[in-house]
Protein backbone atom coordinates (compact mmCIF):
# COMPACT_ATOMS: atom_id res chain seq x y z
CA MET A 1 0.00 0.00 0.00
CA ALA A 2 1.35 3.40 -0.98
CA LYS A 3 2.12 5.94 1.71
CA PRO A 4 -0.49 8.72 1.77
CA ALA A 5 0.54 12.12 0.44
CA TYR A 6 -1.65 14.07 2.86
CA LEU A 7 -2.62 13.76 6.52
CA VAL A 8 -5.14 15.04 9.02
CA VAL A 9 -3.38 15.44 12.36
CA PHE A 10 -5.24 15.61 15.68
CA ILE A 11 -3.64 17.52 18.54
CA THR A 12 -5.26 18.29 21.90
CA THR A 13 -4.21 21.30 23.96
CA SER A 14 -4.90 22.66 27.42
CA SER A 15 -6.68 25.76 26.09
CA TYR A 16 -7.83 27.65 23.02
CA GLU A 17 -4.93 30.08 23.52
CA GLU A 18 -2.37 27.28 23.43
CA ALA A 19 -4.02 25.79 20.33
CA ARG A 20 -3.97 29.20 18.63
CA LYS A 21 -0.26 29.67 19.41
CA ILE A 22 0.57 26.24 17.94
CA ALA A 23 -1.71 26.78 14.93
CA ASP A 24 -0.09 30.14 14.19
CA ALA A 25 3.37 28.54 14.23
CA LEU A 26 2.33 25.62 12.01
CA VAL A 27 0.69 27.80 9.37
CA ASP A 28 3.33 30.55 9.52
CA ARG A 29 6.13 28.01 8.98
CA LYS A 30 4.19 26.23 6.22
CA LYS A 31 3.99 22.97 8.17
CA ALA A 32 0.20 23.05 7.77
CA ALA A 33 -2.12 24.58 5.19
CA CYS A 34 -5.06 24.85 7.59
CA VAL A 35 -5.78 24.28 11.27
CA ASN A 36 -9.28 24.07 12.72
CA ILE A 37 -9.56 24.66 16.47
CA VAL A 38 -12.49 23.10 18.31
CA PRO A 39 -12.69 24.47 21.88
CA GLY A 40 -14.51 22.78 24.73
CA VAL A 41 -13.68 19.12 24.06
CA SER A 42 -14.20 16.94 27.12
CA SER A 43 -11.37 14.43 27.47
CA LEU A 44 -11.26 11.39 29.75
CA PHE A 45 -7.94 9.52 29.96
CA ARG A 46 -5.58 7.56 32.17
CA TRP A 47 -2.44 9.46 33.19
CA LYS A 48 0.21 8.18 35.61
CA GLY A 49 -2.13 5.53 36.99
CA LYS A 50 -5.13 7.81 37.58
CA ILE A 51 -8.23 8.49 35.52
CA GLU A 52 -8.34 12.18 34.63
CA GLU A 53 -11.00 14.35 33.01
CA THR A 54 -10.37 17.80 31.60
CA GLU A 55 -11.61 20.27 29.04
CA GLU A 56 -9.27 20.73 26.09
CA SER A 57 -9.20 22.24 22.63
CA LEU A 58 -8.88 19.92 19.64
CA MET A 59 -6.76 20.94 16.67
CA VAL A 60 -7.46 19.43 13.25
CA VAL A 61 -4.36 20.02 11.13
CA LYS A 62 -4.14 19.45 7.37
CA THR A 63 -0.63 18.81 6.06
CA ARG A 64 1.56 16.77 3.74
CA ALA A 65 2.70 13.39 5.09
CA GLU A 66 6.37 14.21 4.54
CA LEU A 67 6.02 17.16 6.95
CA PHE A 68 4.72 15.04 9.86
CA PRO A 69 8.12 14.79 11.63
CA ASP A 70 8.44 18.59 11.42
CA VAL A 71 4.90 19.01 12.79
CA VAL A 72 5.71 16.76 15.76
CA SER A 73 8.96 18.58 16.49
CA LEU A 74 7.39 22.05 16.29
CA VAL A 75 4.36 21.10 18.39
CA LYS A 76 6.51 19.50 21.09
CA SER A 77 8.70 22.63 21.26
CA ILE A 78 5.63 24.78 22.08
CA HIS A 79 3.16 22.44 23.80
CA SER A 80 2.69 22.51 27.58
CA TYR A 81 1.98 18.77 27.96
CA GLU A 82 4.71 16.31 28.90
CA VAL A 83 3.33 13.88 26.29
CA PRO A 84 1.13 15.76 23.80
CA GLU A 85 -1.34 13.90 21.63
CA ILE A 86 -0.16 14.24 18.03
CA ILE A 87 -1.75 11.55 15.86
CA ALA A 88 -2.17 11.40 12.11
CA LEU A 89 -4.76 9.82 9.86
CA PRO A 90 -4.26 9.48 6.10
CA ILE A 91 -6.37 11.46 3.69
CA VAL A 92 -7.35 8.73 1.23
CA GLU A 93 -9.58 10.89 -0.97
CA GLY A 94 -10.23 14.60 -1.31
CA ASN A 95 -11.32 17.42 -3.55
CA PRO A 96 -8.40 17.64 -6.02
CA ASP A 97 -8.52 21.46 -5.93
CA TYR A 98 -8.30 21.44 -2.12
CA LEU A 99 -5.43 18.95 -2.09
CA GLU A 100 -3.55 21.04 -4.65
CA TRP A 101 -4.07 24.12 -2.46
CA LEU A 102 -2.86 22.16 0.59
CA LYS A 103 0.26 21.12 -1.30
CA LYS A 104 0.98 24.69 -2.45
CA GLU A 105 0.46 26.24 0.98
CA THR A 106 2.88 23.80 2.63
CA GLY A 107 5.71 24.47 0.22
CA GLY A 108 5.04 21.58 -2.16
CA ILE A 109 5.50 22.13 -5.87
């Protein structure tokens, strides 16, 4: 199976302000073409042996697959969490015009 050219990356943050700071850096540095920020996500998870619940913001990042290592590095340099969630899903189909725009806005030819 061929490696996908494009990804949707999910990142959770402690606040809208933190998400906005990370989104600004990703778009400014052309590591992402677009970032949606969804505030008010309720998250339930196990952390250091305890069940935790908190309100977070969810980032939905659209990027090229080859930029994923750069996305991870940049996010980790800014993010407040010890182990931030940064997970990617392949884009298997998409509007060709949108995907071309995504490619252009992330420095692809």
